[in-house]
Amino acid sequence: MEAYIEGFAKEKGTTKEDAIKNYFKTDEPTSLLQRFLDPKEISAIVVFLASSRASGINGHAQRVEGGIIHSI
């Protein structure tokens, strides 16, 4: 992700900080969260899926990307 943002900033001719700040406004306006997920949010889903509380979930792809990806 770090390399992607660096490349994105270079492509847009801006700083990495500005690229992150404006990414969802300009390139992903339909994102549900309008921000990048924190790694802790992703690890929380992994822990949940590995727990007995997720025993009813089987054979299904779980998307943890904040609504950026429109299809798998």
N, C-alpha and C. Protein backbone atom coordinates (compact mmCIF):
# COMPACT_ATOMS: atom_id res chain seq x y z
N MET A 1 0.82 -1.18 0.00
CA MET A 1 0.00 0.00 0.00
C MET A 1 0.87 1.25 0.00
N GLU A 2 1.94 1.18 0.75
CA GLU A 2 2.86 2.32 0.82
C GLU A 2 3.43 2.65 -0.56
N ALA A 3 3.85 1.61 -1.29
CA ALA A 3 4.41 1.82 -2.64
C ALA A 3 3.33 2.35 -3.59
N TYR A 4 2.11 1.86 -3.44
CA TYR A 4 1.01 2.33 -4.29
C TYR A 4 0.78 3.82 -4.08
N ILE A 5 0.71 4.24 -2.84
CA ILE A 5 0.47 5.66 -2.54
C ILE A 5 1.62 6.53 -3.02
N GLU A 6 2.85 6.04 -2.85
CA GLU A 6 4.00 6.81 -3.35
C GLU A 6 3.92 6.99 -4.86
N GLY A 7 3.57 5.91 -5.57
CA GLY A 7 3.42 5.99 -7.02
C GLY A 7 2.26 6.89 -7.42
N PHE A 8 1.18 6.80 -6.67
CA PHE A 8 0.00 7.63 -6.92
C PHE A 8 0.35 9.11 -6.75
N ALA A 9 1.08 9.44 -5.68
CA ALA A 9 1.47 10.83 -5.42
C ALA A 9 2.39 11.33 -6.54
N LYS A 10 3.31 10.48 -6.96
CA LYS A 10 4.23 10.88 -8.03
C LYS A 10 3.46 11.12 -9.33
N GLU A 11 2.52 10.24 -9.63
CA GLU A 11 1.69 10.38 -10.83
C GLU A 11 0.87 11.66 -10.81
N LYS A 12 0.38 12.04 -9.63
CA LYS A 12 -0.44 13.25 -9.50
C LYS A 12 0.40 14.51 -9.30
N GLY A 13 1.72 14.32 -9.09
CA GLY A 13 2.60 15.47 -8.89
C GLY A 13 2.35 16.17 -7.56
N THR A 14 2.12 15.39 -6.52
CA THR A 14 1.81 15.95 -5.22
C THR A 14 2.58 15.21 -4.13
N THR A 15 2.44 15.67 -2.91
CA THR A 15 3.09 14.98 -1.80
C THR A 15 2.28 13.74 -1.42
N LYS A 16 2.92 12.84 -0.72
CA LYS A 16 2.24 11.63 -0.26
C LYS A 16 1.08 11.98 0.67
N GLU A 17 1.28 12.95 1.54
CA GLU A 17 0.25 13.37 2.48
C GLU A 17 -0.97 13.93 1.75
N ASP A 18 -0.72 14.77 0.75
CA ASP A 18 -1.83 15.33 -0.03
C ASP A 18 -2.52 14.27 -0.86
N ALA A 19 -1.75 13.32 -1.37
CA ALA A 19 -2.34 12.23 -2.16
C ALA A 19 -3.30 11.42 -1.30
N ILE A 20 -2.90 11.10 -0.08
CA ILE A 20 -3.77 10.36 0.84
C ILE A 20 -5.01 11.18 1.18
N LYS A 21 -4.80 12.45 1.46
CA LYS A 21 -5.90 13.34 1.85
C LYS A 21 -6.95 13.45 0.74
N ASN A 22 -6.51 13.51 -0.50
CA ASN A 22 -7.43 13.73 -1.62
C ASN A 22 -7.84 12.47 -2.36
N TYR A 23 -7.26 11.34 -2.04
CA TYR A 23 -7.50 10.10 -2.79
C TYR A 23 -8.99 9.76 -2.89
N PHE A 24 -9.69 9.80 -1.80
CA PHE A 24 -11.10 9.40 -1.81
C PHE A 24 -12.01 10.45 -2.43
N LYS A 25 -11.60 11.69 -2.37
CA LYS A 25 -12.38 12.75 -3.01
C LYS A 25 -12.29 12.65 -4.53
N THR A 26 -11.09 12.38 -5.04
CA THR A 26 -10.87 12.43 -6.48
C THR A 26 -10.92 11.08 -7.17
N ASP A 27 -10.45 10.01 -6.52
CA ASP A 27 -10.30 8.73 -7.22
C ASP A 27 -11.22 7.62 -6.71
N GLU A 28 -11.75 7.74 -5.54
CA GLU A 28 -12.66 6.72 -4.99
C GLU A 28 -13.86 7.39 -4.31
N PRO A 29 -14.58 8.24 -5.01
CA PRO A 29 -15.69 8.96 -4.36
C PRO A 29 -16.84 8.06 -3.90
N THR A 30 -16.92 6.85 -4.44
CA THR A 30 -18.01 5.95 -4.03
C THR A 30 -17.62 5.04 -2.87
N SER A 31 -16.42 5.19 -2.35
CA SER A 31 -15.99 4.40 -1.20
C SER A 31 -16.94 4.63 -0.03
N LEU A 32 -17.34 3.55 0.62
CA LEU A 32 -18.28 3.67 1.73
C LEU A 32 -17.67 4.39 2.94
N LEU A 33 -16.42 4.08 3.26
CA LEU A 33 -15.79 4.67 4.45
C LEU A 33 -15.04 5.97 4.19
N GLN A 34 -14.64 6.18 2.95
CA GLN A 34 -13.88 7.37 2.58
C GLN A 34 -12.55 7.49 3.34
N ARG A 35 -11.95 6.34 3.58
CA ARG A 35 -10.62 6.30 4.22
C ARG A 35 -10.03 4.92 4.02
N PHE A 36 -8.73 4.80 4.21
CA PHE A 36 -8.08 3.50 4.19
C PHE A 36 -8.33 2.80 5.52
N LEU A 37 -8.44 1.49 5.47
CA LEU A 37 -8.62 0.74 6.71
C LEU A 37 -7.32 0.69 7.48
N ASP A 38 -7.45 0.67 8.78
CA ASP A 38 -6.32 0.48 9.67
C ASP A 38 -6.02 -1.02 9.71
N PRO A 39 -4.76 -1.43 9.72
CA PRO A 39 -4.45 -2.86 9.80
C PRO A 39 -5.13 -3.56 10.98
N LYS A 40 -5.39 -2.84 12.07
CA LYS A 40 -6.07 -3.45 13.21
C LYS A 40 -7.51 -3.84 12.86
N GLU A 41 -8.13 -3.08 11.98
CA GLU A 41 -9.49 -3.42 11.55
C GLU A 41 -9.50 -4.73 10.76
N ILE A 42 -8.50 -4.91 9.94
CA ILE A 42 -8.40 -6.13 9.16
C ILE A 42 -8.08 -7.31 10.06
N SER A 43 -7.16 -7.12 11.00
CA SER A 43 -6.82 -8.23 11.90
C SER A 43 -8.00 -8.60 12.78
N ALA A 44 -8.85 -7.65 13.13
CA ALA A 44 -10.04 -7.96 13.94
C ALA A 44 -10.98 -8.89 13.18
N ILE A 45 -11.12 -8.70 11.87
CA ILE A 45 -11.96 -9.58 11.06
C ILE A 45 -11.34 -10.97 10.98
N VAL A 46 -10.03 -11.04 10.82
CA VAL A 46 -9.35 -12.34 10.77
C VAL A 46 -9.57 -13.09 12.08
N VAL A 47 -9.41 -12.40 13.19
CA VAL A 47 -9.61 -13.04 14.50
C VAL A 47 -11.06 -13.51 14.63
N PHE A 48 -12.01 -12.69 14.22
CA PHE A 48 -13.41 -13.09 14.28
C PHE A 48 -13.66 -14.32 13.43
N LEU A 49 -13.17 -14.32 12.19
CA LEU A 49 -13.41 -15.46 11.30
C LEU A 49 -12.76 -16.74 11.80
N ALA A 50 -11.69 -16.61 12.56
CA ALA A 50 -11.02 -17.78 13.11
C ALA A 50 -11.66 -18.24 14.42
N SER A 51 -12.61 -17.49 14.93
CA SER A 51 -13.22 -17.83 16.20
C SER A 51 -14.46 -18.69 16.02
N SER A 52 -14.94 -19.25 17.12
CA SER A 52 -16.16 -20.06 17.09
C SER A 52 -17.39 -19.19 16.83
N ARG A 53 -17.30 -17.89 17.04
CA ARG A 53 -18.44 -17.00 16.79
C ARG A 53 -18.76 -16.90 15.31
N ALA A 54 -17.83 -17.29 14.45
CA ALA A 54 -18.05 -17.24 13.01
C ALA A 54 -18.39 -18.62 12.45
N SER A 55 -18.82 -19.52 13.30
CA SER A 55 -19.07 -20.90 12.86
C SER A 55 -20.15 -21.01 11.79
N GLY A 56 -21.03 -20.05 11.68
CA GLY A 56 -22.07 -20.08 10.66
C GLY A 56 -21.62 -19.55 9.31
N ILE A 57 -20.39 -19.05 9.23
CA ILE A 57 -19.87 -18.51 7.98
C ILE A 57 -19.01 -19.59 7.34
N ASN A 58 -19.38 -20.00 6.13
CA ASN A 58 -18.55 -20.99 5.45
C ASN A 58 -18.65 -20.82 3.93
N GLY A 59 -17.56 -21.08 3.26
CA GLY A 59 -17.54 -21.07 1.82
C GLY A 59 -17.85 -19.74 1.16
N HIS A 60 -17.57 -18.68 1.83
CA HIS A 60 -17.88 -17.37 1.27
C HIS A 60 -16.66 -16.45 1.39
N ALA A 61 -16.39 -15.69 0.35
CA ALA A 61 -15.28 -14.73 0.38
C ALA A 61 -15.69 -13.55 1.25
N GLN A 62 -14.85 -13.19 2.19
CA GLN A 62 -15.11 -12.04 3.06
C GLN A 62 -14.30 -10.86 2.56
N ARG A 63 -14.97 -9.79 2.25
CA ARG A 63 -14.29 -8.58 1.80
C ARG A 63 -14.06 -7.65 2.97
N VAL A 64 -12.82 -7.24 3.12
CA VAL A 64 -12.46 -6.29 4.18
C VAL A 64 -11.63 -5.20 3.50
N GLU A 65 -12.33 -4.29 2.82
CA GLU A 65 -11.63 -3.27 2.06
C GLU A 65 -12.35 -1.92 2.11
N GLY A 66 -13.36 -1.80 2.92
CA GLY A 66 -14.00 -0.52 3.13
C GLY A 66 -14.92 -0.05 2.02
N GLY A 67 -15.25 -0.91 1.10
CA GLY A 67 -16.17 -0.54 0.04
C GLY A 67 -15.52 0.04 -1.21
N ILE A 68 -14.22 -0.13 -1.36
CA ILE A 68 -13.52 0.40 -2.54
C ILE A 68 -13.71 -0.53 -3.74
N ILE A 69 -13.56 -1.82 -3.51
CA ILE A 69 -13.63 -2.80 -4.61
C ILE A 69 -15.09 -3.04 -4.96
N HIS A 70 -15.43 -2.89 -6.24
CA HIS A 70 -16.81 -3.02 -6.67
C HIS A 70 -17.21 -4.46 -6.97
N SER A 71 -16.25 -5.34 -7.24
CA SER A 71 -16.56 -6.75 -7.47
C SER A 71 -15.30 -7.58 -7.22
N ILE A 72 -15.54 -8.85 -6.95
CA ILE A 72 -14.42 -9.77 -6.73
C ILE A 72 -14.31 -10.68 -7.94
